[in-house]
Amino acid sequence: MPRLSAASQAAFSAFFNMFSGGAVQRMAIFALGIMPYISASIIVQLMTSVVPALENLKKEGEQGRKIINQYTRYGTVILGALRPMALPPALKVARASSSSRAGSSVFPPF
């Protein structure tokens, strides 16, 4: 996989920070802990509209809801495992890009 340029890595980290509600920039422990579940829940809910098998599960009632909840938990584990691998490189790029801009930040300090 080719290396991304510094500008595209900075854009990715800003994008990642935006979807985490600024948690990456502020390192909010709570937000980092709950975000994989929220993301997995949103992904599974969107997938129920796209994937016919999940749509049928949704229509099955209580039993289908339990299976969909189980898929959400599996997705949470997967996203929770991937996030620690993606976070350090994103923080490294964010620090490098913020120090090179000399005070001009995309996100205002809180």
N, C-alpha and C. Protein backbone atom coordinates (compact mmCIF):
# COMPACT_ATOMS: atom_id res chain seq x y z
N MET A 1 0.85 -1.17 0.00
CA MET A 1 0.00 0.00 0.00
C MET A 1 0.90 1.24 0.00
N PRO A 2 0.72 2.14 -0.95
CA PRO A 2 1.58 3.32 -1.01
C PRO A 2 1.32 4.25 0.17
N ARG A 3 2.35 4.94 0.55
CA ARG A 3 2.25 5.91 1.66
C ARG A 3 1.41 7.11 1.24
N LEU A 4 0.61 7.60 2.15
CA LEU A 4 -0.17 8.79 1.88
C LEU A 4 0.69 10.02 2.09
N SER A 5 0.40 11.06 1.33
CA SER A 5 1.14 12.30 1.52
C SER A 5 0.76 12.91 2.86
N ALA A 6 1.60 13.81 3.33
CA ALA A 6 1.34 14.45 4.63
C ALA A 6 0.03 15.23 4.62
N ALA A 7 -0.27 15.86 3.49
CA ALA A 7 -1.51 16.64 3.39
C ALA A 7 -2.74 15.73 3.47
N SER A 8 -2.70 14.59 2.79
CA SER A 8 -3.85 13.69 2.83
C SER A 8 -3.98 13.02 4.18
N GLN A 9 -2.84 12.76 4.85
CA GLN A 9 -2.90 12.21 6.20
C GLN A 9 -3.49 13.22 7.17
N ALA A 10 -3.13 14.48 7.01
CA ALA A 10 -3.67 15.53 7.87
C ALA A 10 -5.17 15.68 7.64
N ALA A 11 -5.59 15.60 6.37
CA ALA A 11 -7.01 15.70 6.07
C ALA A 11 -7.76 14.52 6.67
N PHE A 12 -7.16 13.32 6.60
CA PHE A 12 -7.80 12.14 7.20
C PHE A 12 -7.94 12.30 8.70
N SER A 13 -6.89 12.79 9.36
CA SER A 13 -6.96 12.94 10.81
C SER A 13 -7.98 14.00 11.21
N ALA A 14 -8.09 15.08 10.41
CA ALA A 14 -9.10 16.10 10.70
C ALA A 14 -10.50 15.51 10.50
N PHE A 15 -10.67 14.68 9.47
CA PHE A 15 -11.95 14.02 9.21
C PHE A 15 -12.29 13.06 10.36
N PHE A 16 -11.30 12.27 10.79
CA PHE A 16 -11.47 11.33 11.89
C PHE A 16 -11.82 12.07 13.17
N ASN A 17 -11.16 13.20 13.41
CA ASN A 17 -11.41 14.00 14.60
C ASN A 17 -12.81 14.60 14.57
N MET A 18 -13.27 14.99 13.39
CA MET A 18 -14.59 15.57 13.26
C MET A 18 -15.67 14.54 13.63
N PHE A 19 -15.52 13.29 13.17
CA PHE A 19 -16.52 12.28 13.46
C PHE A 19 -16.45 11.76 14.89
N SER A 20 -15.36 12.00 15.55
CA SER A 20 -15.28 11.59 16.94
C SER A 20 -15.68 12.73 17.87
N GLY A 21 -16.19 13.81 17.30
CA GLY A 21 -16.64 14.94 18.10
C GLY A 21 -15.49 15.67 18.77
N GLY A 22 -14.31 15.64 18.17
CA GLY A 22 -13.15 16.30 18.74
C GLY A 22 -12.44 15.47 19.79
N ALA A 23 -12.88 14.23 19.99
CA ALA A 23 -12.29 13.38 21.02
C ALA A 23 -10.85 13.03 20.72
N VAL A 24 -10.52 12.88 19.46
CA VAL A 24 -9.14 12.56 19.11
C VAL A 24 -8.23 13.70 19.50
N GLN A 25 -8.68 14.92 19.23
CA GLN A 25 -7.87 16.08 19.57
C GLN A 25 -7.78 16.26 21.08
N ARG A 26 -8.87 16.04 21.79
CA ARG A 26 -8.89 16.25 23.24
C ARG A 26 -8.57 14.99 24.02
N MET A 27 -8.55 13.84 23.32
CA MET A 27 -8.31 12.54 23.95
C MET A 27 -9.31 12.25 25.08
N ALA A 28 -10.58 12.46 24.79
CA ALA A 28 -11.63 12.18 25.76
C ALA A 28 -11.80 10.68 25.89
N ILE A 29 -11.49 10.14 27.04
CA ILE A 29 -11.53 8.70 27.27
C ILE A 29 -12.93 8.14 27.07
N PHE A 30 -13.93 8.82 27.59
CA PHE A 30 -15.30 8.32 27.46
C PHE A 30 -15.71 8.24 26.00
N ALA A 31 -15.44 9.29 25.23
CA ALA A 31 -15.84 9.31 23.82
C ALA A 31 -15.12 8.22 23.04
N LEU A 32 -13.88 7.97 23.36
CA LEU A 32 -13.14 6.92 22.66
C LEU A 32 -13.69 5.55 23.02
N GLY A 33 -14.24 5.39 24.20
CA GLY A 33 -14.78 4.10 24.61
C GLY A 33 -16.15 3.80 24.04
N ILE A 34 -16.99 4.80 23.88
CA ILE A 34 -18.36 4.57 23.43
C ILE A 34 -18.51 4.69 21.92
N MET A 35 -17.59 5.34 21.24
CA MET A 35 -17.72 5.58 19.81
C MET A 35 -17.79 4.30 18.97
N PRO A 36 -17.04 3.25 19.26
CA PRO A 36 -17.18 2.04 18.43
C PRO A 36 -18.60 1.46 18.46
N TYR A 37 -19.25 1.50 19.62
CA TYR A 37 -20.62 0.99 19.70
C TYR A 37 -21.58 1.86 18.91
N ILE A 38 -21.43 3.17 19.05
CA ILE A 38 -22.31 4.08 18.32
C ILE A 38 -22.12 3.92 16.82
N SER A 39 -20.86 3.84 16.39
CA SER A 39 -20.58 3.67 14.96
C SER A 39 -21.13 2.34 14.45
N ALA A 40 -20.92 1.26 15.19
CA ALA A 40 -21.43 -0.05 14.77
C ALA A 40 -22.95 -0.04 14.71
N SER A 41 -23.59 0.61 15.66
CA SER A 41 -25.05 0.68 15.67
C SER A 41 -25.56 1.43 14.45
N ILE A 42 -24.93 2.52 14.10
CA ILE A 42 -25.34 3.29 12.92
C ILE A 42 -25.13 2.47 11.66
N ILE A 43 -23.98 1.79 11.56
CA ILE A 43 -23.68 0.98 10.38
C ILE A 43 -24.70 -0.14 10.23
N VAL A 44 -25.01 -0.84 11.31
CA VAL A 44 -25.97 -1.95 11.23
C VAL A 44 -27.36 -1.43 10.88
N GLN A 45 -27.77 -0.30 11.45
CA GLN A 45 -29.08 0.25 11.12
C GLN A 45 -29.17 0.64 9.66
N LEU A 46 -28.10 1.20 9.10
CA LEU A 46 -28.10 1.53 7.68
C LEU A 46 -28.09 0.28 6.82
N MET A 47 -27.38 -0.74 7.28
CA MET A 47 -27.31 -1.99 6.52
C MET A 47 -28.67 -2.70 6.48
N THR A 48 -29.50 -2.52 7.50
CA THR A 48 -30.81 -3.16 7.49
C THR A 48 -31.69 -2.64 6.36
N SER A 49 -31.42 -1.44 5.89
CA SER A 49 -32.17 -0.89 4.77
C SER A 49 -31.63 -1.36 3.43
N VAL A 50 -30.37 -1.79 3.40
CA VAL A 50 -29.71 -2.14 2.15
C VAL A 50 -29.66 -3.65 1.91
N VAL A 51 -29.38 -4.41 2.95
CA VAL A 51 -29.21 -5.86 2.82
C VAL A 51 -30.56 -6.55 3.08
N PRO A 52 -31.06 -7.28 2.09
CA PRO A 52 -32.37 -7.92 2.25
C PRO A 52 -32.44 -8.90 3.43
N ALA A 53 -31.37 -9.64 3.71
CA ALA A 53 -31.40 -10.59 4.82
C ALA A 53 -31.58 -9.87 6.16
N LEU A 54 -30.90 -8.74 6.31
CA LEU A 54 -31.06 -7.96 7.55
C LEU A 54 -32.44 -7.32 7.62
N GLU A 55 -32.95 -6.93 6.48
CA GLU A 55 -34.30 -6.35 6.45
C GLU A 55 -35.34 -7.38 6.88
N ASN A 56 -35.15 -8.63 6.43
CA ASN A 56 -36.06 -9.71 6.86
C ASN A 56 -35.95 -9.97 8.35
N LEU A 57 -34.71 -9.90 8.89
CA LEU A 57 -34.54 -10.07 10.34
C LEU A 57 -35.27 -8.98 11.10
N LYS A 58 -35.20 -7.77 10.58
CA LYS A 58 -35.86 -6.63 11.23
C LYS A 58 -37.37 -6.85 11.31
N LYS A 59 -37.93 -7.51 10.28
CA LYS A 59 -39.37 -7.74 10.23
C LYS A 59 -39.81 -8.93 11.08
N GLU A 60 -38.87 -9.73 11.55
CA GLU A 60 -39.21 -10.93 12.33
C GLU A 60 -39.66 -10.63 13.75
N GLY A 61 -39.46 -9.43 14.20
CA GLY A 61 -39.89 -9.08 15.55
C GLY A 61 -38.78 -9.20 16.56
N GLU A 62 -39.12 -9.70 17.74
CA GLU A 62 -38.18 -9.77 18.86
C GLU A 62 -36.95 -10.62 18.56
N GLN A 63 -37.16 -11.78 17.97
CA GLN A 63 -36.03 -12.67 17.66
C GLN A 63 -35.08 -12.02 16.66
N GLY A 64 -35.62 -11.37 15.65
CA GLY A 64 -34.79 -10.68 14.66
C GLY A 64 -34.03 -9.53 15.28
N ARG A 65 -34.67 -8.81 16.19
CA ARG A 65 -34.01 -7.69 16.87
C ARG A 65 -32.84 -8.19 17.71
N LYS A 66 -33.00 -9.35 18.34
CA LYS A 66 -31.90 -9.91 19.13
C LYS A 66 -30.71 -10.25 18.25
N ILE A 67 -30.98 -10.80 17.08
CA ILE A 67 -29.89 -11.16 16.16
C ILE A 67 -29.20 -9.89 15.64
N ILE A 68 -29.98 -8.87 15.31
CA ILE A 68 -29.39 -7.61 14.85
C ILE A 68 -28.56 -6.97 15.95
N ASN A 69 -29.03 -7.04 17.19
CA ASN A 69 -28.24 -6.53 18.32
C ASN A 69 -26.93 -7.31 18.47
N GLN A 70 -26.97 -8.61 18.21
CA GLN A 70 -25.75 -9.41 18.28
C GLN A 70 -24.77 -8.98 17.19
N TYR A 71 -25.27 -8.71 15.98
CA TYR A 71 -24.41 -8.21 14.91
C TYR A 71 -23.80 -6.86 15.28
N THR A 72 -24.58 -6.03 15.96
CA THR A 72 -24.06 -4.74 16.41
C THR A 72 -22.92 -4.94 17.40
N ARG A 73 -23.05 -5.90 18.30
CA ARG A 73 -21.98 -6.19 19.26
C ARG A 73 -20.72 -6.69 18.55
N TYR A 74 -20.90 -7.57 17.55
CA TYR A 74 -19.74 -8.04 16.78
C TYR A 74 -19.05 -6.87 16.08
N GLY A 75 -19.85 -5.99 15.49
CA GLY A 75 -19.28 -4.81 14.83
C GLY A 75 -18.55 -3.91 15.81
N THR A 76 -19.07 -3.82 17.04
CA THR A 76 -18.40 -3.02 18.06
C THR A 76 -17.03 -3.58 18.39
N VAL A 77 -16.94 -4.89 18.50
CA VAL A 77 -15.66 -5.53 18.78
C VAL A 77 -14.68 -5.28 17.65
N ILE A 78 -15.15 -5.40 16.42
CA ILE A 78 -14.27 -5.18 15.27
C ILE A 78 -13.80 -3.73 15.22
N LEU A 79 -14.72 -2.79 15.35
CA LEU A 79 -14.33 -1.37 15.33
C LEU A 79 -13.46 -1.01 16.53
N GLY A 80 -13.77 -1.61 17.68
CA GLY A 80 -12.95 -1.36 18.87
C GLY A 80 -11.53 -1.90 18.72
N ALA A 81 -11.36 -2.98 17.95
CA ALA A 81 -10.03 -3.53 17.72
C ALA A 81 -9.27 -2.73 16.66
N LEU A 82 -9.98 -2.20 15.68
CA LEU A 82 -9.33 -1.44 14.61
C LEU A 82 -8.94 -0.03 15.04
N ARG A 83 -9.74 0.54 15.92
CA ARG A 83 -9.51 1.93 16.33
C ARG A 83 -8.14 2.16 16.99
N PRO A 84 -7.70 1.31 17.92
CA PRO A 84 -6.38 1.55 18.52
C PRO A 84 -5.24 1.46 17.51
N MET A 85 -5.45 0.71 16.44
CA MET A 85 -4.41 0.63 15.41
C MET A 85 -4.38 1.89 14.55
N ALA A 86 -5.51 2.54 14.36
CA ALA A 86 -5.59 3.74 13.52
C ALA A 86 -5.31 5.02 14.30
N LEU A 87 -5.53 5.00 15.60
CA LEU A 87 -5.42 6.22 16.40
C LEU A 87 -4.00 6.78 16.52
N PRO A 88 -2.98 5.99 16.87
CA PRO A 88 -1.64 6.58 17.00
C PRO A 88 -1.11 7.24 15.73
N PRO A 89 -1.24 6.61 14.55
CA PRO A 89 -0.79 7.32 13.35
C PRO A 89 -1.57 8.61 13.09
N ALA A 90 -2.87 8.59 13.37
CA ALA A 90 -3.68 9.79 13.16
C ALA A 90 -3.25 10.90 14.12
N LEU A 91 -2.96 10.56 15.36
CA LEU A 91 -2.51 11.56 16.33
C LEU A 91 -1.14 12.10 15.95
N LYS A 92 -0.26 11.24 15.46
CA LYS A 92 1.07 11.67 15.05
C LYS A 92 0.97 12.68 13.92
N VAL A 93 0.13 12.41 12.94
CA VAL A 93 -0.06 13.32 11.82
C VAL A 93 -0.72 14.61 12.29
N ALA A 94 -1.69 14.50 13.20
CA ALA A 94 -2.37 15.69 13.71
C ALA A 94 -1.40 16.59 14.45
N ARG A 95 -0.51 16.01 15.25
CA ARG A 95 0.48 16.80 15.96
C ARG A 95 1.45 17.47 15.00
N ALA A 96 1.89 16.71 14.00
CA ALA A 96 2.83 17.25 13.03
C ALA A 96 2.20 18.37 12.22
N SER A 97 0.96 18.20 11.82
CA SER A 97 0.30 19.23 11.02
C SER A 97 -0.04 20.45 11.87
N SER A 98 -0.38 20.25 13.15
CA SER A 98 -0.71 21.40 13.99
C SER A 98 0.54 22.20 14.35
N SER A 99 1.68 21.53 14.49
CA SER A 99 2.90 22.27 14.80
C SER A 99 3.43 22.99 13.57
N SER A 100 3.15 22.48 12.37
CA SER A 100 3.62 23.14 11.15
C SER A 100 2.76 24.34 10.78
N ARG A 101 1.55 24.42 11.29
CA ARG A 101 0.67 25.53 10.97
C ARG A 101 0.87 26.72 11.89
N ALA A 102 1.61 26.55 12.94
CA ALA A 102 1.96 27.62 13.87
C ALA A 102 0.75 28.38 14.38
N GLY A 103 -0.16 27.65 15.01
CA GLY A 103 -1.27 28.30 15.69
C GLY A 103 -2.56 28.37 14.91
N SER A 104 -2.55 28.19 13.63
CA SER A 104 -3.81 28.22 12.87
C SER A 104 -4.41 26.83 12.85
N SER A 105 -5.40 26.62 13.66
CA SER A 105 -6.02 25.30 13.81
C SER A 105 -7.38 25.26 13.13
N VAL A 106 -7.72 24.10 12.59
CA VAL A 106 -9.04 23.92 11.99
C VAL A 106 -10.10 23.96 13.08
N PHE A 107 -9.77 23.40 14.23
CA PHE A 107 -10.71 23.33 15.34
C PHE A 107 -10.24 24.30 16.43
N PRO A 108 -11.11 25.18 16.90
CA PRO A 108 -10.70 26.11 17.96
C PRO A 108 -10.49 25.36 19.27
N PRO A 109 -9.54 25.83 20.08
CA PRO A 109 -9.31 25.19 21.38
C PRO A 109 -10.48 25.45 22.31
N PHE A 110 -10.78 24.46 23.15
CA PHE A 110 -11.88 24.61 24.12
C PHE A 110 -11.35 24.66 25.51
